[in-house]
């Protein structure tokens, strides 16, 4: 939805009015490097549509379907590197209890295989 201006304008306004503790980008781990493009466009839209001079941008990332990507963690690594926003949670199922904190040691181990 990052290219759809009306919902992004509404989201930007919600962020401005409610001043949340965190603004998380939620994306699918399955899309690979397209996730980097999605995050970039999403963050840019938040900046462009902000009504304040100091817009709130993405504070962190939540990647869904993380349990389905095997050893392909490059997109997550690229997102963190390019935007400086950490992957705060990964989704490994369909319920709230399936949200997990990212295990950095397992990611490093996977990358070094």
PDB file of N, CA and C in Angstrom:
ATOM      1  N   UNK A   1       0.811  -1.193   0.000  1.00  0.00           N
ATOM      2  CA  UNK A   1       0.000   0.000   0.000  1.00  0.00           C
ATOM      3  C   UNK A   1       0.860   1.265   0.000  1.00  0.00           C
ATOM      4  N   UNK A   2       2.167   1.131  -0.016  1.00  0.00           N
ATOM      5  CA  UNK A   2       3.044   2.295   0.066  1.00  0.00           C
ATOM      6  C   UNK A   2       2.899   3.235  -1.120  1.00  0.00           C
ATOM      7  N   UNK A   3       2.337   2.761  -2.225  1.00  0.00           N
ATOM      8  CA  UNK A   3       2.134   3.615  -3.402  1.00  0.00           C
ATOM      9  C   UNK A   3       0.732   4.215  -3.454  1.00  0.00           C
ATOM     10  N   UNK A   4      -0.119   3.848  -2.530  1.00  0.00           N
ATOM     11  CA  UNK A   4      -1.504   4.320  -2.515  1.00  0.00           C
ATOM     12  C   UNK A   4      -1.594   5.528  -1.577  1.00  0.00           C
ATOM     13  N   UNK A   5      -1.699   6.717  -2.153  1.00  0.00           N
ATOM     14  CA  UNK A   5      -1.578   7.947  -1.365  1.00  0.00           C
ATOM     15  C   UNK A   5      -2.658   8.150  -0.301  1.00  0.00           C
ATOM     16  N   UNK A   6      -3.949   7.924  -0.565  1.00  0.00           N
ATOM     17  CA  UNK A   6      -4.939   8.189   0.488  1.00  0.00           C
ATOM     18  C   UNK A   6      -4.695   7.412   1.791  1.00  0.00           C
ATOM     19  N   UNK A   7      -4.440   6.082   1.744  1.00  0.00           N
ATOM     20  CA  UNK A   7      -4.161   5.388   3.012  1.00  0.00           C
ATOM     21  C   UNK A   7      -2.855   5.860   3.661  1.00  0.00           C
ATOM     22  N   UNK A   8      -1.857   6.173   2.855  1.00  0.00           N
ATOM     23  CA  UNK A   8      -0.587   6.653   3.416  1.00  0.00           C
ATOM     24  C   UNK A   8      -0.761   8.025   4.059  1.00  0.00           C
ATOM     25  N   UNK A   9      -1.579   8.878   3.462  1.00  0.00           N
ATOM     26  CA  UNK A   9      -1.864  10.195   4.050  1.00  0.00           C
ATOM     27  C   UNK A   9      -2.575  10.017   5.400  1.00  0.00           C
ATOM     28  N   UNK A  10      -3.549   9.099   5.432  1.00  0.00           N
ATOM     29  CA  UNK A  10      -4.268   8.823   6.682  1.00  0.00           C
ATOM     30  C   UNK A  10      -3.331   8.257   7.740  1.00  0.00           C
ATOM     31  N   UNK A  11      -2.436   7.356   7.339  1.00  0.00           N
ATOM     32  CA  UNK A  11      -1.475   6.780   8.278  1.00  0.00           C
ATOM     33  C   UNK A  11      -0.533   7.850   8.815  1.00  0.00           C
ATOM     34  N   UNK A  12      -0.064   8.718   7.944  1.00  0.00           N
ATOM     35  CA  UNK A  12       0.811   9.804   8.370  1.00  0.00           C
ATOM     36  C   UNK A  12       0.106  10.702   9.379  1.00  0.00           C
ATOM     37  N   UNK A  13      -1.166  10.978   9.136  1.00  0.00           N
ATOM     38  CA  UNK A  13      -1.940  11.816  10.058  1.00  0.00           C
ATOM     39  C   UNK A  13      -2.134  11.107  11.400  1.00  0.00           C
ATOM     40  N   UNK A  14      -2.420   9.801  11.359  1.00  0.00           N
ATOM     41  CA  UNK A  14      -2.564   9.025  12.599  1.00  0.00           C
ATOM     42  C   UNK A  14      -1.285   9.066  13.432  1.00  0.00           C
ATOM     43  N   UNK A  15      -0.159   8.918  12.764  1.00  0.00           N
ATOM     44  CA  UNK A  15       1.122   8.947  13.465  1.00  0.00           C
ATOM     45  C   UNK A  15       1.335  10.314  14.108  1.00  0.00           C
ATOM     46  N   UNK A  16       1.029  11.373  13.357  1.00  0.00           N
ATOM     47  CA  UNK A  16       1.197  12.731  13.866  1.00  0.00           C
ATOM     48  C   UNK A  16       0.291  12.994  15.078  1.00  0.00           C
ATOM     49  N   UNK A  17      -0.983  12.607  14.975  1.00  0.00           N
ATOM     50  CA  UNK A  17      -1.939  12.897  16.041  1.00  0.00           C
ATOM     51  C   UNK A  17      -1.727  12.051  17.290  1.00  0.00           C
ATOM     52  N   UNK A  18      -1.351  10.798  17.111  1.00  0.00           N
ATOM     53  CA  UNK A  18      -1.241   9.878  18.247  1.00  0.00           C
ATOM     54  C   UNK A  18       0.152   9.784  18.847  1.00  0.00           C
ATOM     55  N   UNK A  19       1.162  10.216  18.104  1.00  0.00           N
ATOM     56  CA  UNK A  19       2.546  10.173  18.578  1.00  0.00           C
ATOM     57  C   UNK A  19       2.893   8.823  19.237  1.00  0.00           C
ATOM     58  N   UNK A  20       2.839   7.726  18.470  1.00  0.00           N
ATOM     59  CA  UNK A  20       3.106   6.409  19.058  1.00  0.00           C
ATOM     60  C   UNK A  20       4.556   6.264  19.507  1.00  0.00           C
ATOM     61  N   UNK A  21       4.763   5.317  20.410  1.00  0.00           N
ATOM     62  CA  UNK A  21       6.122   5.031  20.878  1.00  0.00           C
ATOM     63  C   UNK A  21       6.988   4.488  19.760  1.00  0.00           C
ATOM     64  N   UNK A  22       6.404   3.662  18.909  1.00  0.00           N
ATOM     65  CA  UNK A  22       7.135   3.044  17.805  1.00  0.00           C
ATOM     66  C   UNK A  22       6.310   3.081  16.530  1.00  0.00           C
ATOM     67  N   UNK A  23       6.986   3.264  15.419  1.00  0.00           N
ATOM     68  CA  UNK A  23       6.377   3.111  14.107  1.00  0.00           C
ATOM     69  C   UNK A  23       7.097   1.934  13.460  1.00  0.00           C
ATOM     70  N   UNK A  24       6.356   0.843  13.251  1.00  0.00           N
ATOM     71  CA  UNK A  24       6.943  -0.365  12.690  1.00  0.00           C
ATOM     72  C   UNK A  24       6.480  -0.573  11.260  1.00  0.00           C
ATOM     73  N   UNK A  25       7.411  -0.931  10.413  1.00  0.00           N
ATOM     74  CA  UNK A  25       7.090  -1.352   9.052  1.00  0.00           C
ATOM     75  C   UNK A  25       6.857  -2.852   9.104  1.00  0.00           C
ATOM     76  N   UNK A  26       5.710  -3.296   8.609  1.00  0.00           N
ATOM     77  CA  UNK A  26       5.393  -4.720   8.574  1.00  0.00           C
ATOM     78  C   UNK A  26       5.474  -5.181   7.127  1.00  0.00           C
ATOM     79  N   UNK A  27       6.356  -6.124   6.878  1.00  0.00           N
ATOM     80  CA  UNK A  27       6.537  -6.640   5.527  1.00  0.00           C
ATOM     81  C   UNK A  27       6.731  -8.145   5.544  1.00  0.00           C
ATOM     82  N   UNK A  28       6.535  -8.748   4.382  1.00  0.00           N
ATOM     83  CA  UNK A  28       6.716 -10.192   4.246  1.00  0.00           C
ATOM     84  C   UNK A  28       8.168 -10.519   3.943  1.00  0.00           C
ATOM     85  N   UNK A  29       8.700 -11.489   4.638  1.00  0.00           N
ATOM     86  CA  UNK A  29      10.066 -11.931   4.385  1.00  0.00           C
ATOM     87  C   UNK A  29      10.179 -12.624   3.038  1.00  0.00           C
ATOM     88  N   UNK A  30       9.079 -13.144   2.524  1.00  0.00           N
ATOM     89  CA  UNK A  30       9.093 -13.891   1.265  1.00  0.00           C
ATOM     90  C   UNK A  30       9.410 -13.043   0.039  1.00  0.00           C
ATOM     91  N   UNK A  31       9.198 -11.737   0.106  1.00  0.00           N
ATOM     92  CA  UNK A  31       9.377 -10.914  -1.088  1.00  0.00           C
ATOM     93  C   UNK A  31      10.843 -10.612  -1.372  1.00  0.00           C
ATOM     94  N   UNK A  32      11.723 -10.996  -0.508  1.00  0.00           N
ATOM     95  CA  UNK A  32      13.156 -10.818  -0.749  1.00  0.00           C
ATOM     96  C   UNK A  32      13.557  -9.359  -0.828  1.00  0.00           C
ATOM     97  N   UNK A  33      14.359  -9.033  -1.826  1.00  0.00           N
ATOM     98  CA  UNK A  33      14.883  -7.671  -1.932  1.00  0.00           C
ATOM     99  C   UNK A  33      13.823  -6.643  -2.298  1.00  0.00           C
ATOM    100  N   UNK A  34      12.640  -7.074  -2.727  1.00  0.00           N
ATOM    101  CA  UNK A  34      11.544  -6.124  -2.939  1.00  0.00           C
ATOM    102  C   UNK A  34      11.154  -5.460  -1.623  1.00  0.00           C
ATOM    103  N   UNK A  35      11.423  -6.136  -0.515  1.00  0.00           N
ATOM    104  CA  UNK A  35      11.110  -5.558   0.792  1.00  0.00           C
ATOM    105  C   UNK A  35      11.907  -4.282   1.026  1.00  0.00           C
ATOM    106  N   UNK A  36      13.128  -4.221   0.512  1.00  0.00           N
ATOM    107  CA  UNK A  36      13.950  -3.017   0.650  1.00  0.00           C
ATOM    108  C   UNK A  36      13.284  -1.864  -0.093  1.00  0.00           C
ATOM    109  N   UNK A  37      12.781  -2.139  -1.289  1.00  0.00           N
ATOM    110  CA  UNK A  37      12.088  -1.120  -2.074  1.00  0.00           C
ATOM    111  C   UNK A  37      10.796  -0.691  -1.383  1.00  0.00           C
ATOM    112  N   UNK A  38      10.043  -1.645  -0.846  1.00  0.00           N
ATOM    113  CA  UNK A  38       8.808  -1.322  -0.144  1.00  0.00           C
ATOM    114  C   UNK A  38       9.081  -0.419   1.059  1.00  0.00           C
ATOM    115  N   UNK A  39      10.085  -0.765   1.833  1.00  0.00           N
ATOM    116  CA  UNK A  39      10.430   0.033   3.011  1.00  0.00           C
ATOM    117  C   UNK A  39      10.868   1.434   2.613  1.00  0.00           C
ATOM    118  N   UNK A  40      11.642   1.521   1.561  1.00  0.00           N
ATOM    119  CA  UNK A  40      12.105   2.819   1.088  1.00  0.00           C
ATOM    120  C   UNK A  40      10.932   3.708   0.678  1.00  0.00           C
ATOM    121  N   UNK A  41      10.008   3.163  -0.104  1.00  0.00           N
ATOM    122  CA  UNK A  41       8.842   3.924  -0.549  1.00  0.00           C
ATOM    123  C   UNK A  41       7.936   4.288   0.623  1.00  0.00           C
ATOM    124  N   UNK A  42       7.765   3.364   1.552  1.00  0.00           N
ATOM    125  CA  UNK A  42       6.920   3.595   2.715  1.00  0.00           C
ATOM    126  C   UNK A  42       7.484   4.741   3.560  1.00  0.00           C
ATOM    127  N   UNK A  43       8.746   4.677   3.847  1.00  0.00           N
ATOM    128  CA  UNK A  43       9.409   5.709   4.642  1.00  0.00           C
ATOM    129  C   UNK A  43       9.341   7.065   3.932  1.00  0.00           C
ATOM    130  N   UNK A  44       9.566   7.060   2.623  1.00  0.00           N
ATOM    131  CA  UNK A  44       9.534   8.302   1.854  1.00  0.00           C
ATOM    132  C   UNK A  44       8.139   8.916   1.855  1.00  0.00           C
ATOM    133  N   UNK A  45       7.109   8.081   1.706  1.00  0.00           N
ATOM    134  CA  UNK A  45       5.731   8.584   1.739  1.00  0.00           C
ATOM    135  C   UNK A  45       5.409   9.197   3.096  1.00  0.00           C
ATOM    136  N   UNK A  46       5.857   8.550   4.172  1.00  0.00           N
ATOM    137  CA  UNK A  46       5.630   9.116   5.502  1.00  0.00           C
ATOM    138  C   UNK A  46       6.276  10.494   5.609  1.00  0.00           C
ATOM    139  N   UNK A  47       7.464  10.640   5.052  1.00  0.00           N
ATOM    140  CA  UNK A  47       8.159  11.934   5.093  1.00  0.00           C
ATOM    141  C   UNK A  47       7.451  12.960   4.212  1.00  0.00           C
ATOM    142  N   UNK A  48       7.066  12.559   3.017  1.00  0.00           N
ATOM    143  CA  UNK A  48       6.444  13.485   2.069  1.00  0.00           C
ATOM    144  C   UNK A  48       5.073  13.967   2.517  1.00  0.00           C
ATOM    145  N   UNK A  49       4.313  13.094   3.163  1.00  0.00           N
ATOM    146  CA  UNK A  49       2.936  13.422   3.525  1.00  0.00           C
ATOM    147  C   UNK A  49       2.787  13.947   4.946  1.00  0.00           C
ATOM    148  N   UNK A  50       3.885  14.068   5.661  1.00  0.00           N
ATOM    149  CA  UNK A  50       3.827  14.528   7.051  1.00  0.00           C
ATOM    150  C   UNK A  50       3.328  15.964   7.126  1.00  0.00           C
ATOM    151  N   UNK A  51       2.574  16.233   8.172  1.00  0.00           N
ATOM    152  CA  UNK A  51       2.060  17.587   8.376  1.00  0.00           C
ATOM    153  C   UNK A  51       2.926  18.390   9.326  1.00  0.00           C
ATOM    154  N   UNK A  52       3.935  17.771   9.875  1.00  0.00           N
ATOM    155  CA  UNK A  52       4.833  18.490  10.782  1.00  0.00           C
ATOM    156  C   UNK A  52       6.203  18.636  10.130  1.00  0.00           C
ATOM    157  N   UNK A  53       6.985  19.607  10.577  1.00  0.00           N
ATOM    158  CA  UNK A  53       8.314  19.795   9.988  1.00  0.00           C
ATOM    159  C   UNK A  53       9.296  18.666  10.340  1.00  0.00           C
ATOM    160  N   UNK A  54       9.020  17.937  11.410  1.00  0.00           N
ATOM    161  CA  UNK A  54       9.865  16.814  11.821  1.00  0.00           C
ATOM    162  C   UNK A  54       9.053  15.526  11.761  1.00  0.00           C
ATOM    163  N   UNK A  55       8.945  14.919  10.579  1.00  0.00           N
ATOM    164  CA  UNK A  55       8.087  13.735  10.444  1.00  0.00           C
ATOM    165  C   UNK A  55       8.651  12.526  11.177  1.00  0.00           C
ATOM    166  N   UNK A  56       7.741  11.690  11.692  1.00  0.00           N
ATOM    167  CA  UNK A  56       8.130  10.416  12.281  1.00  0.00           C
ATOM    168  C   UNK A  56       8.295   9.409  11.165  1.00  0.00           C
ATOM    169  N   UNK A  57       9.396   8.737  11.155  1.00  0.00           N
ATOM    170  CA  UNK A  57       9.665   7.708  10.154  1.00  0.00           C
ATOM    171  C   UNK A  57       9.702   6.354  10.844  1.00  0.00           C
ATOM    172  N   UNK A  58      10.109   5.356  10.122  1.00  0.00           N
ATOM    173  CA  UNK A  58      10.140   3.987  10.633  1.00  0.00           C
ATOM    174  C   UNK A  58      11.157   3.856  11.762  1.00  0.00           C
ATOM    175  N   UNK A  59      10.700   3.257  12.884  1.00  0.00           N
ATOM    176  CA  UNK A  59      11.590   2.988  14.017  1.00  0.00           C
ATOM    177  C   UNK A  59      12.115   1.561  13.999  1.00  0.00           C
ATOM    178  N   UNK A  60      11.364   0.670  13.366  1.00  0.00           N
ATOM    179  CA  UNK A  60      11.757  -0.727  13.364  1.00  0.00           C
ATOM    180  C   UNK A  60      10.982  -1.508  12.317  1.00  0.00           C
ATOM    181  N   UNK A  61      11.330  -2.768  12.217  1.00  0.00           N
ATOM    182  CA  UNK A  61      10.784  -3.640  11.174  1.00  0.00           C
ATOM    183  C   UNK A  61      10.219  -4.901  11.808  1.00  0.00           C
ATOM    184  N   UNK A  62       9.076  -5.338  11.304  1.00  0.00           N
ATOM    185  CA  UNK A  62       8.494  -6.623  11.665  1.00  0.00           C
ATOM    186  C   UNK A  62       8.362  -7.401  10.365  1.00  0.00           C
ATOM    187  N   UNK A  63       9.012  -8.538  10.286  1.00  0.00           N
ATOM    188  CA  UNK A  63       8.952  -9.378   9.078  1.00  0.00           C
ATOM    189  C   UNK A  63       8.086 -10.599   9.335  1.00  0.00           C
ATOM    190  N   UNK A  64       7.035 -10.729   8.531  1.00  0.00           N
ATOM    191  CA  UNK A  64       6.155 -11.881   8.663  1.00  0.00           C
ATOM    192  C   UNK A  64       6.679 -13.027   7.786  1.00  0.00           C
ATOM    193  N   UNK A  65       6.156 -14.214   8.028  1.00  0.00           N
ATOM    194  CA  UNK A  65       6.504 -15.421   7.262  1.00  0.00           C
ATOM    195  C   UNK A  65       8.011 -15.695   7.289  1.00  0.00           C
ATOM    196  N   UNK A  66       8.627 -15.325   8.389  1.00  0.00           N
ATOM    197  CA  UNK A  66      10.074 -15.488   8.516  1.00  0.00           C
ATOM    198  C   UNK A  66      10.471 -16.953   8.595  1.00  0.00           C
ATOM    199  N   UNK A  67       9.564 -17.792   9.036  1.00  0.00           N
ATOM    200  CA  UNK A  67       9.853 -19.218   9.161  1.00  0.00           C
ATOM    201  C   UNK A  67       9.879 -19.938   7.821  1.00  0.00           C
ATOM    202  N   UNK A  68       9.530 -19.259   6.740  1.00  0.00           N
ATOM    203  CA  UNK A  68       9.454 -19.904   5.433  1.00  0.00           C
ATOM    204  C   UNK A  68      10.632 -19.579   4.527  1.00  0.00           C
ATOM    205  N   UNK A  69      11.598 -18.793   4.991  1.00  0.00           N
ATOM    206  CA  UNK A  69      12.637 -18.337   4.068  1.00  0.00           C
ATOM    207  C   UNK A  69      13.943 -19.120   4.146  1.00  0.00           C
ATOM    208  N   UNK A  70      14.029 -20.105   4.991  1.00  0.00           N
ATOM    209  CA  UNK A  70      15.232 -20.928   5.133  1.00  0.00           C
ATOM    210  C   UNK A  70      16.454 -20.059   5.392  1.00  0.00           C
ATOM    211  N   UNK A  71      17.448 -20.130   4.534  1.00  0.00           N
ATOM    212  CA  UNK A  71      18.696 -19.400   4.780  1.00  0.00           C
ATOM    213  C   UNK A  71      18.788 -18.113   3.963  1.00  0.00           C
ATOM    214  N   UNK A  72      17.685 -17.640   3.433  1.00  0.00           N
ATOM    215  CA  UNK A  72      17.680 -16.434   2.605  1.00  0.00           C
ATOM    216  C   UNK A  72      17.349 -15.218   3.476  1.00  0.00           C
ATOM    217  N   UNK A  73      18.300 -14.763   4.246  1.00  0.00           N
ATOM    218  CA  UNK A  73      18.064 -13.652   5.174  1.00  0.00           C
ATOM    219  C   UNK A  73      18.681 -12.353   4.665  1.00  0.00           C
ATOM    220  N   UNK A  74      19.130 -12.349   3.435  1.00  0.00           N
ATOM    221  CA  UNK A  74      19.811 -11.181   2.880  1.00  0.00           C
ATOM    222  C   UNK A  74      18.958  -9.935   2.853  1.00  0.00           C
ATOM    223  N   UNK A  75      17.667 -10.066   2.545  1.00  0.00           N
ATOM    224  CA  UNK A  75      16.785  -8.901   2.479  1.00  0.00           C
ATOM    225  C   UNK A  75      16.667  -8.244   3.851  1.00  0.00           C
ATOM    226  N   UNK A  76      16.511  -9.054   4.872  1.00  0.00           N
ATOM    227  CA  UNK A  76      16.425  -8.510   6.235  1.00  0.00           C
ATOM    228  C   UNK A  76      17.712  -7.778   6.597  1.00  0.00           C
ATOM    229  N   UNK A  77      18.818  -8.357   6.250  1.00  0.00           N
ATOM    230  CA  UNK A  77      20.114  -7.733   6.512  1.00  0.00           C
ATOM    231  C   UNK A  77      20.252  -6.422   5.741  1.00  0.00           C
ATOM    232  N   UNK A  78      19.826  -6.407   4.488  1.00  0.00           N
ATOM    233  CA  UNK A  78      19.889  -5.191   3.673  1.00  0.00           C
ATOM    234  C   UNK A  78      18.997  -4.097   4.240  1.00  0.00           C
ATOM    235  N   UNK A  79      17.797  -4.466   4.701  1.00  0.00           N
ATOM    236  CA  UNK A  79      16.879  -3.484   5.270  1.00  0.00           C
ATOM    237  C   UNK A  79      17.496  -2.804   6.489  1.00  0.00           C
ATOM    238  N   UNK A  80      18.106  -3.580   7.339  1.00  0.00           N
ATOM    239  CA  UNK A  80      18.731  -3.029   8.542  1.00  0.00           C
ATOM    240  C   UNK A  80      19.918  -2.151   8.165  1.00  0.00           C
ATOM    241  N   UNK A  81      20.712  -2.610   7.236  1.00  0.00           N
ATOM    242  CA  UNK A  81      21.904  -1.863   6.832  1.00  0.00           C
ATOM    243  C   UNK A  81      21.545  -0.529   6.178  1.00  0.00           C
ATOM    244  N   UNK A  82      20.599  -0.548   5.261  1.00  0.00           N
ATOM    245  CA  UNK A  82      20.258   0.652   4.498  1.00  0.00           C
ATOM    246  C   UNK A  82      19.516   1.679   5.349  1.00  0.00           C
ATOM    247  N   UNK A  83      18.583   1.219   6.194  1.00  0.00           N
ATOM    248  CA  UNK A  83      17.729   2.153   6.918  1.00  0.00           C
ATOM    249  C   UNK A  83      18.127   2.361   8.366  1.00  0.00           C
ATOM    250  N   UNK A  84      18.971   1.515   8.895  1.00  0.00           N
ATOM    251  CA  UNK A  84      19.396   1.661  10.282  1.00  0.00           C
ATOM    252  C   UNK A  84      18.307   1.316  11.279  1.00  0.00           C
ATOM    253  N   UNK A  85      17.186   0.807  10.803  1.00  0.00           N
ATOM    254  CA  UNK A  85      16.088   0.403  11.680  1.00  0.00           C
ATOM    255  C   UNK A  85      16.212  -1.093  11.945  1.00  0.00           C
ATOM    256  N   UNK A  86      16.135  -1.511  13.192  1.00  0.00           N
ATOM    257  CA  UNK A  86      16.316  -2.929  13.501  1.00  0.00           C
ATOM    258  C   UNK A  86      15.094  -3.767  13.157  1.00  0.00           C
ATOM    259  N   UNK A  87      15.328  -5.043  12.896  1.00  0.00           N
ATOM    260  CA  UNK A  87      14.226  -6.004  12.803  1.00  0.00           C
ATOM    261  C   UNK A  87      13.870  -6.336  14.248  1.00  0.00           C
ATOM    262  N   UNK A  88      12.734  -5.843  14.677  1.00  0.00           N
ATOM    263  CA  UNK A  88      12.352  -5.983  16.084  1.00  0.00           C
ATOM    264  C   UNK A  88      11.642  -7.299  16.365  1.00  0.00           C
ATOM    265  N   UNK A  89      10.843  -7.740  15.398  1.00  0.00           N
ATOM    266  CA  UNK A  89      10.110  -8.988  15.557  1.00  0.00           C
ATOM    267  C   UNK A  89      10.051  -9.708  14.222  1.00  0.00           C
ATOM    268  N   UNK A  90       9.913 -11.031  14.301  1.00  0.00           N
ATOM    269  CA  UNK A  90       9.668 -11.842  13.116  1.00  0.00           C
ATOM    270  C   UNK A  90       8.427 -12.687  13.395  1.00  0.00           C
ATOM    271  N   UNK A  91       7.619 -12.835  12.370  1.00  0.00           N
ATOM    272  CA  UNK A  91       6.422 -13.650  12.489  1.00  0.00           C
ATOM    273  C   UNK A  91       6.698 -15.049  12.003  1.00  0.00           C
ATOM    274  N   UNK A  92       6.338 -16.022  12.833  1.00  0.00           N
ATOM    275  CA  UNK A  92       6.572 -17.430  12.492  1.00  0.00           C
ATOM    276  C   UNK A  92       5.284 -18.229  12.615  1.00  0.00           C
ATOM    277  N   UNK A  93       4.158 -17.602  12.328  1.00  0.00           N
ATOM    278  CA  UNK A  93       2.855 -18.251  12.425  1.00  0.00           C
ATOM    279  C   UNK A  93       1.753 -17.223  12.282  1.00  0.00           C
ATOM    280  N   UNK A  94       0.545 -17.612  12.672  1.00  0.00           N
ATOM    281  CA  UNK A  94      -0.615 -16.767  12.440  1.00  0.00           C
ATOM    282  C   UNK A  94      -1.157 -16.094  13.693  1.00  0.00           C
ATOM    283  N   UNK A  95      -0.559 -16.307  14.833  1.00  0.00           N
ATOM    284  CA  UNK A  95      -1.086 -15.772  16.083  1.00  0.00           C
ATOM    285  C   UNK A  95      -0.088 -14.814  16.724  1.00  0.00           C
ATOM    286  N   UNK A  96      -0.598 -13.973  17.623  1.00  0.00           N
ATOM    287  CA  UNK A  96       0.286 -13.024  18.317  1.00  0.00           C
ATOM    288  C   UNK A  96       1.422 -13.738  19.047  1.00  0.00           C
ATOM    289  N   UNK A  97       1.139 -14.918  19.550  1.00  0.00           N
ATOM    290  CA  UNK A  97       2.174 -15.674  20.259  1.00  0.00           C
ATOM    291  C   UNK A  97       3.269 -16.174  19.311  1.00  0.00           C
ATOM    292  N   UNK A  98       3.031 -16.080  18.005  1.00  0.00           N
ATOM    293  CA  UNK A  98       4.022 -16.497  17.015  1.00  0.00           C
ATOM    294  C   UNK A  98       4.979 -15.375  16.633  1.00  0.00           C
ATOM    295  N   UNK A  99       4.809 -14.195  17.222  1.00  0.00           N
ATOM    296  CA  UNK A  99       5.773 -13.104  17.012  1.00  0.00           C
ATOM    297  C   UNK A  99       6.962 -13.351  17.929  1.00  0.00           C
ATOM    298  N   UNK A 100       8.130 -13.380  17.360  1.00  0.00           N
ATOM    299  CA  UNK A 100       9.354 -13.675  18.116  1.00  0.00           C
ATOM    300  C   UNK A 100      10.356 -12.552  17.928  1.00  0.00           C
ATOM    301  N   UNK A 101      11.216 -12.396  18.907  1.00  0.00           N
ATOM    302  CA  UNK A 101      12.339 -11.478  18.728  1.00  0.00           C
ATOM    303  C   UNK A 101      13.332 -12.146  17.794  1.00  0.00           C
ATOM    304  N   UNK A 102      13.981 -11.343  16.977  1.00  0.00           N
ATOM    305  CA  UNK A 102      14.952 -11.885  16.033  1.00  0.00           C
ATOM    306  C   UNK A 102      16.149 -12.446  16.789  1.00  0.00           C
ATOM    307  N   UNK A 103      16.525 -13.659  16.461  1.00  0.00           N
ATOM    308  CA  UNK A 103      17.676 -14.304  17.079  1.00  0.00           C
ATOM    309  C   UNK A 103      18.901 -14.000  16.214  1.00  0.00           C
ATOM    310  N   UNK A 104      19.680 -13.012  16.623  1.00  0.00           N
ATOM    311  CA  UNK A 104      20.817 -12.544  15.831  1.00  0.00           C
ATOM    312  C   UNK A 104      21.856 -13.645  15.655  1.00  0.00           C
ATOM    313  N   UNK A 105      22.088 -14.428  16.691  1.00  0.00           N
ATOM    314  CA  UNK A 105      23.089 -15.504  16.595  1.00  0.00           C
ATOM    315  C   UNK A 105      22.725 -16.510  15.505  1.00  0.00           C
ATOM    316  N   UNK A 106      21.443 -16.834  15.395  1.00  0.00           N
ATOM    317  CA  UNK A 106      21.051 -17.795  14.371  1.00  0.00           C
ATOM    318  C   UNK A 106      21.168 -17.196  12.972  1.00  0.00           C
ATOM    319  N   UNK A 107      20.934 -15.891  12.845  1.00  0.00           N
ATOM    320  CA  UNK A 107      21.092 -15.221  11.539  1.00  0.00           C
ATOM    321  C   UNK A 107      22.554 -15.226  11.126  1.00  0.00           C
ATOM    322  N   UNK A 108      23.434 -14.893  12.040  1.00  0.00           N
ATOM    323  CA  UNK A 108      24.866 -14.883  11.728  1.00  0.00           C
ATOM    324  C   UNK A 108      25.328 -16.291  11.361  1.00  0.00           C
ATOM    325  N   UNK A 109      24.859 -17.282  12.101  1.00  0.00           N
ATOM    326  CA  UNK A 109      25.209 -18.676  11.815  1.00  0.00           C
ATOM    327  C   UNK A 109      24.726 -19.078  10.417  1.00  0.00           C
ATOM    328  N   UNK A 110      23.520 -18.655  10.071  1.00  0.00           N
ATOM    329  CA  UNK A 110      22.964 -18.958   8.743  1.00  0.00           C
ATOM    330  C   UNK A 110      23.790 -18.303   7.653  1.00  0.00           C
ATOM    331  N   UNK A 111      24.197 -17.063   7.872  1.00  0.00           N
ATOM    332  CA  UNK A 111      24.981 -16.342   6.861  1.00  0.00           C
ATOM    333  C   UNK A 111      26.375 -16.941   6.656  1.00  0.00           C
ATOM    334  N   UNK A 112      26.925 -17.544   7.686  1.00  0.00           N
ATOM    335  CA  UNK A 112      28.278 -18.077   7.622  1.00  0.00           C
ATOM    336  C   UNK A 112      28.338 -19.536   7.175  1.00  0.00           C
ATOM    337  N   UNK A 113      27.198 -20.111   6.819  1.00  0.00           N
ATOM    338  CA  UNK A 113      27.174 -21.509   6.347  1.00  0.00           C
ATOM    339  C   UNK A 113      27.969 -21.669   5.084  1.00  0.00           C
TER     340      UNK A 113
END
